[in-house]
Amino acid sequence: MSFTRDLVSEPPNVLYPAEYAQRVKKLESLGLEVEIIGEAEMMKLGMGSLLAVGQGSVRDSQLVVIKWNGAADKSPSRSPSSARASASTPAASPSSPPRTWKT
């Protein structure tokens, strides 16, 4: 989440397409598959609309495709439900009343 927050916070003169692609490429060390598609390949793939948007910039367009095929170790270290629960937000039990929020 902090990686995404940092990307969103960067101004466009710092985080342009090539810089974004370079930063995301580093995520391969976490097991992600990252493919970077340049303008020539985008043209071959018929991505004219996307390329047209990029024509407003002096920098080349790039498309980043990220794939996650799951963890190599298939045994879960934590269950999804226990990952969401915390001491400050106890899990609701069937007998507890539904929470309502007033605005």
Protein backbone atom coordinates (compact mmCIF):
# COMPACT_ATOMS: atom_id res chain seq x y z
CA MET A 1 0.00 0.00 0.00
CA SER A 2 2.82 2.40 0.76
CA PHE A 3 4.32 1.74 -2.69
CA THR A 4 1.01 2.71 -4.32
CA ARG A 5 0.69 5.76 -2.08
CA ASP A 6 4.17 6.90 -3.10
CA LEU A 7 3.35 6.47 -6.79
CA VAL A 8 0.13 8.46 -6.51
CA SER A 9 1.90 11.26 -4.62
CA GLU A 10 4.59 11.82 -7.25
CA PRO A 11 4.15 14.78 -9.61
CA PRO A 12 4.08 13.98 -13.36
CA ASN A 13 7.47 15.56 -13.99
CA VAL A 14 8.97 12.97 -11.61
CA LEU A 15 6.79 9.95 -12.37
CA TYR A 16 6.48 9.78 -16.16
CA PRO A 17 5.80 6.53 -18.08
CA ALA A 18 9.40 5.26 -18.27
CA GLU A 19 10.05 6.01 -14.58
CA TYR A 20 6.78 4.32 -13.59
CA ALA A 21 7.69 1.24 -15.64
CA GLN A 22 11.16 1.12 -14.06
CA ARG A 23 9.75 1.28 -10.53
CA VAL A 24 7.12 -1.37 -11.17
CA LYS A 25 9.71 -3.64 -12.83
CA LYS A 26 11.44 -3.86 -9.43
CA LEU A 27 8.36 -5.70 -8.10
CA GLU A 28 9.51 -8.82 -9.95
CA SER A 29 11.65 -9.58 -6.90
CA LEU A 30 8.35 -10.16 -5.03
CA GLY A 31 7.17 -12.78 -7.51
CA LEU A 32 5.19 -10.57 -9.88
CA GLU A 33 5.55 -10.91 -13.62
CA VAL A 34 6.02 -7.45 -15.16
CA GLU A 35 5.86 -6.80 -18.90
CA ILE A 36 6.56 -3.35 -20.32
CA ILE A 37 5.07 -2.59 -23.72
CA GLY A 38 6.51 0.33 -25.70
CA GLU A 39 4.89 2.48 -28.37
CA ALA A 40 5.93 0.29 -31.33
CA GLU A 41 4.34 -2.82 -29.83
CA MET A 42 1.29 -0.86 -28.71
CA MET A 43 0.83 0.25 -32.33
CA LYS A 44 1.08 -3.37 -33.53
CA LEU A 45 -1.54 -4.37 -30.95
CA GLY A 46 -3.94 -1.69 -32.21
CA MET A 47 -3.87 0.50 -29.11
CA GLY A 48 -4.42 3.69 -31.08
CA SER A 49 -6.68 5.35 -28.51
CA LEU A 50 -4.13 4.90 -25.74
CA LEU A 51 -1.33 6.13 -27.99
CA ALA A 52 -3.41 9.17 -28.96
CA VAL A 53 -3.63 10.20 -25.30
CA GLY A 54 0.15 9.93 -25.01
CA GLN A 55 0.71 12.22 -27.99
CA GLY A 56 0.13 15.17 -25.68
CA SER A 57 3.48 14.44 -24.01
CA VAL A 58 7.07 14.77 -25.19
CA ARG A 59 7.77 11.41 -23.50
CA ASP A 60 7.02 8.03 -25.06
CA SER A 61 4.01 6.07 -23.86
CA GLN A 62 4.54 2.78 -22.05
CA LEU A 63 2.06 0.21 -20.84
CA VAL A 64 2.87 -1.95 -17.82
CA VAL A 65 1.21 -5.37 -17.52
CA ILE A 66 1.50 -6.96 -14.07
CA LYS A 67 0.66 -10.61 -13.47
CA TRP A 68 0.44 -12.44 -10.16
CA ASN A 69 0.27 -16.22 -10.35
CA GLY A 70 0.06 -16.77 -6.61
CA ALA A 71 2.72 -17.56 -4.09
CA ALA A 72 5.21 -20.32 -4.76
CA ASP A 73 4.48 -21.66 -1.26
CA LYS A 74 0.80 -22.68 -1.46
CA SER A 75 0.42 -23.25 2.30
CA PRO A 76 -1.21 -20.13 3.77
CA SER A 77 0.68 -18.55 6.64
CA ARG A 78 -2.47 -16.70 7.75
CA SER A 79 -6.07 -17.13 6.87
CA PRO A 80 -7.71 -14.19 5.07
CA SER A 81 -10.20 -13.69 7.90
CA SER A 82 -7.50 -13.51 10.58
CA ALA A 83 -5.52 -11.06 8.47
CA ARG A 84 -8.46 -8.65 8.52
CA ALA A 85 -9.21 -8.89 12.22
CA SER A 86 -7.40 -6.75 14.73
CA ALA A 87 -7.65 -6.02 18.43
CA SER A 88 -9.31 -2.68 17.82
CA THR A 89 -12.00 -4.10 15.52
CA PRO A 90 -13.34 -7.33 16.95
CA ALA A 91 -14.98 -9.68 14.49
CA ALA A 92 -18.75 -9.63 14.52
CA SER A 93 -20.41 -12.72 15.90
CA PRO A 94 -23.76 -14.07 14.70
CA SER A 95 -25.40 -12.83 17.90
CA SER A 96 -24.04 -9.28 17.72
CA PRO A 97 -26.40 -6.62 16.32
CA PRO A 98 -25.57 -5.10 12.95
CA ARG A 99 -23.65 -1.87 13.07
CA THR A 100 -25.36 1.22 11.72
CA TRP A 101 -23.80 4.54 10.89
CA LYS A 102 -25.64 7.82 11.08
CA THR A 103 -24.54 10.78 9.03
